[in-house]
Each structure stands twice: as structure tokens, then as C-alpha cells.
């Protein structure tokens, strides 16, 4: 289990696997904290946040991808608080590496909107109780396919592909092959 949340998040809601003797737990925060801005107009849009992750959070992102590549056989779960932004970027990179088309990655990302139905009211209530701007939060809780497409277009323009991005991060050929093997069923395994 790879927990992408920062210390304030894990302190507030510890991961149930943190002390497990049976499940390996890694906390690899993509951000050290979630920056707050004083004015809603200063909150970046989702594609900008996703670009920030791949441009400015490369060390932790590399650690996440390497941990997945180097994990023993079996399942690997990665998550953040809502399972949409940090998790969505990691998932998009992995799906891109597996050869999944951009439109399908965006459709998969958009499914998060349905999954957020139970979490959204709680987050809105917490933000309102803390005096936060729920309009900004509502915008950040969305998962429109065009936001993911915008991010993936940027990834391709700047780094060429998920594969080339992972090479930029320093993943070895063996680690990249391990990720592909983990993600893609081989026809010869049937």
C-alpha cells in the first residue's frame, strides 16, 4: 500500500495498514503540504495542479513508480485522500505506459466523479465548518475528462510519453519493464 498523502493528512487519518505485519505500507507524499491561497481566484485549475506534480514533484513521483516496479508479485494499491488528483496522475502515467489511449484514460478519470458522491458532502461540510470557500472546493473535486486530456497533452508535449517521462525520472529499463509486466496481460500467459 502506497499512501501519497502528506503528514498532516496521515496524522489526521492514519492508514489502517501502517502497522500491519502482513501488508507492506509506504508513505511517499507527493506534496509536503497542500498550499492554501488566500483568494479563490488564485487557486489553480486541475490541469495546472497535475502539471505541477509531474514537473515539480519528480523525486517523490519517481519513488512511487519505483516502489510499484520493485514490489513483489501481487497487488499494489496507491491512494491519496480523495483518490482523484495525486492518485489520478500516477494512474494516468501507468495507463499511458501500458498503451491505454488518452480518451480511455480520460474516461477512467471521469468515473471518479461518481466515486466522489459519498466523499463530496463530508469534504464540503468540513470546509464550510472551517470557514473555507466551498466554491473553490467544488471546482477542485470535479473530474472532467477534458482536465485529464489537457494534462496528457501537456505530458506528451513536454516529455513525449509516459515511457519517456519515466526515463526522465531515472527509472531503469528493468523497472519500466517490471511496470509493463505488472500492468499488461501477456498473450502467452493463457
Foldseek 3Di string as FASTA:
>chain_A
DEEQEADVVCVVPPDPCPPPPVDDYHYQHLDNDDDDDPDLVPDDAQLVVLVCSLPPSLQSLLVVLLCQLPPPPDDDDYAYDLCQRPVLSNVVLLCQLLVNDLQVSLVVSQCSLVVCPVVLVVVLVVCVVVVHDSVSVVSVSHRHSVSSSSNQVVCCVPQNTSVSSSVVSPDDPSSSVSSNPNPDDDPVVD
